[in-house]
């Protein structure tokens, strides 16, 4: 080809750059939002002097209550006494669980949430109460 039409030597880089820009725009985080984590309470790796009253995980998007949950585990992998996890009625982006006072030690929070776009976010983090023995 002579470079004046089609995918000739001179037209190719410009067309490739244009297609690249289109693909990048379609794959940007703004175009594909998911329920990422906004805040943990207590925070990751927090060392608390006293037991928290609740555990909560806040997400960037509204989450589906029927498919979202929190699990609290002590250092031995057992669940201490706690209420049922639920989506906060006044804040559909926040998963909450009331807990009874915790003994000093290390704890793990496991979370799983389904955003309304169908994306599942799951993971775990730890915190501790009082001195760790």
Protein backbone atom coordinates (compact mmCIF):
# COMPACT_ATOMS: atom_id res chain seq x y z
CA UNK A 1 0.00 0.00 0.00
CA UNK A 2 1.08 3.54 -0.56
CA UNK A 3 0.23 4.81 2.96
CA UNK A 4 -2.59 7.10 1.82
CA UNK A 5 -5.45 4.73 2.60
CA UNK A 6 -6.19 1.77 4.83
CA UNK A 7 -3.62 0.29 7.20
CA UNK A 8 -0.60 1.47 5.27
CA UNK A 9 2.70 2.18 6.93
CA UNK A 10 1.88 5.78 7.88
CA UNK A 11 -1.77 5.23 8.93
CA UNK A 12 -1.12 2.22 11.15
CA UNK A 13 0.40 3.97 14.24
CA UNK A 14 -2.40 6.55 14.40
CA UNK A 15 -5.14 3.96 14.07
CA UNK A 16 -3.48 1.68 16.61
CA UNK A 17 -3.22 4.59 19.06
CA UNK A 18 -6.90 5.44 18.54
CA UNK A 19 -7.97 1.83 19.22
CA UNK A 20 -5.71 1.73 22.25
CA UNK A 21 -7.37 4.85 23.67
CA UNK A 22 -10.83 3.33 23.15
CA UNK A 23 -9.86 0.07 24.87
CA UNK A 24 -8.24 1.95 27.78
CA UNK A 25 -11.38 4.05 28.28
CA UNK A 26 -13.59 0.96 28.36
CA UNK A 27 -11.35 -0.81 30.89
CA UNK A 28 -10.88 2.16 33.23
CA UNK A 29 -11.90 1.75 36.92
CA UNK A 30 -14.60 4.37 36.45
CA UNK A 31 -16.27 2.26 33.79
CA UNK A 32 -16.17 -0.95 35.91
CA UNK A 33 -16.85 -0.09 39.56
CA UNK A 34 -16.93 -2.78 42.25
CA UNK A 35 -17.62 -2.79 45.97
CA UNK A 36 -14.10 -2.10 47.19
CA UNK A 37 -13.38 -1.65 50.90
CA UNK A 38 -13.60 1.90 52.23
CA UNK A 39 -13.10 1.34 55.98
CA UNK A 40 -12.62 -1.39 58.59
CA UNK A 41 -13.75 -0.97 62.23
CA UNK A 42 -11.67 -1.82 64.15
CA UNK A 43 -8.90 -1.03 61.71
CA UNK A 44 -6.48 -3.53 60.19
CA UNK A 45 -3.78 -4.57 62.65
CA UNK A 46 -5.31 -2.30 65.32
CA UNK A 47 -4.29 -2.95 68.91
CA UNK A 48 -7.21 -1.96 71.15
CA UNK A 49 -7.07 -1.33 74.89
CA UNK A 50 -10.69 -2.41 75.28
CA UNK A 51 -13.03 -4.67 73.36
CA UNK A 52 -14.99 -3.03 70.52
CA UNK A 53 -18.79 -3.18 70.66
CA UNK A 54 -19.13 -3.99 67.01
CA UNK A 55 -17.25 -4.99 63.87
CA UNK A 56 -18.00 -3.22 60.60
CA UNK A 57 -16.73 -3.13 57.05
CA UNK A 58 -17.77 -0.23 54.79
CA UNK A 59 -17.80 -0.71 51.02
CA UNK A 60 -17.70 1.74 48.12
CA UNK A 61 -21.04 0.50 46.76
CA UNK A 62 -24.35 -0.83 47.97
CA UNK A 63 -24.09 -4.51 48.90
CA UNK A 64 -26.64 -7.31 48.68
CA UNK A 65 -27.76 -8.20 52.26
CA UNK A 66 -28.69 -11.82 51.51
CA UNK A 67 -25.18 -12.66 50.25
CA UNK A 68 -22.97 -10.58 52.53
CA UNK A 69 -21.54 -11.59 55.91
CA UNK A 70 -18.92 -11.15 58.60
CA UNK A 71 -17.31 -13.88 60.70
CA UNK A 72 -15.21 -13.20 63.79
CA UNK A 73 -12.63 -15.78 64.91
CA UNK A 74 -10.31 -15.87 67.91
CA UNK A 75 -6.70 -17.09 67.78
CA UNK A 76 -7.87 -20.70 68.14
CA UNK A 77 -10.22 -20.39 65.17
CA UNK A 78 -13.39 -20.34 67.29
CA UNK A 79 -16.19 -17.81 67.04
CA UNK A 80 -16.66 -15.73 70.20
CA UNK A 81 -20.26 -14.80 71.10
CA UNK A 82 -21.68 -12.24 68.70
CA UNK A 83 -24.83 -11.12 66.96
CA UNK A 84 -25.71 -11.91 63.38
CA UNK A 85 -23.97 -9.81 60.75
CA UNK A 86 -26.25 -7.60 58.68
CA UNK A 87 -26.24 -4.66 56.29
CA UNK A 88 -26.85 -1.44 58.19
CA UNK A 89 -30.45 -0.31 57.45
CA UNK A 90 -29.47 3.38 57.17
CA UNK A 91 -26.27 2.67 55.22
CA UNK A 92 -26.59 -0.07 52.54
CA UNK A 93 -22.82 0.07 51.97
CA UNK A 94 -21.94 -1.02 55.53
CA UNK A 95 -21.82 -4.55 56.93
CA UNK A 96 -22.14 -4.63 60.73
CA UNK A 97 -21.99 -7.20 63.55
CA UNK A 98 -22.52 -6.57 67.27
CA UNK A 99 -20.18 -8.49 69.54
CA UNK A 100 -19.99 -9.31 73.23
CA UNK A 101 -16.90 -8.13 75.14
CA UNK A 102 -13.77 -9.88 73.85
CA UNK A 103 -11.00 -11.30 76.01
CA UNK A 104 -7.47 -10.04 75.35
CA UNK A 105 -5.95 -11.70 72.30
CA UNK A 106 -5.74 -11.74 68.53
CA UNK A 107 -8.85 -11.86 66.33
CA UNK A 108 -9.56 -12.34 62.64
CA UNK A 109 -12.50 -10.85 60.75
CA UNK A 110 -13.57 -12.60 57.56
CA UNK A 111 -15.82 -10.67 55.23
CA UNK A 112 -17.73 -11.47 52.08
CA UNK A 113 -20.00 -9.11 50.18
CA UNK A 114 -21.87 -9.21 46.92
CA UNK A 115 -22.26 -5.82 45.27
CA UNK A 116 -25.33 -5.08 43.19
CA UNK A 117 -23.22 -5.38 40.02
CA UNK A 118 -22.61 -9.06 40.87
CA UNK A 119 -18.97 -8.72 41.96
CA UNK A 120 -17.97 -10.59 45.14
CA UNK A 121 -15.45 -9.02 47.51
CA UNK A 122 -14.01 -11.28 50.20
CA UNK A 123 -11.02 -11.36 52.48
CA UNK A 124 -9.90 -11.15 56.05
CA UNK A 125 -7.97 -8.90 58.40
CA UNK A 126 -6.80 -9.01 61.97
CA UNK A 127 -6.82 -6.88 65.11
CA UNK A 128 -6.03 -7.51 68.77
CA UNK A 129 -7.46 -6.57 72.13
CA UNK A 130 -5.22 -5.81 75.11
CA UNK A 131 -1.85 -7.38 75.61
CA UNK A 132 -1.18 -10.44 73.44
CA UNK A 133 0.27 -13.37 75.36
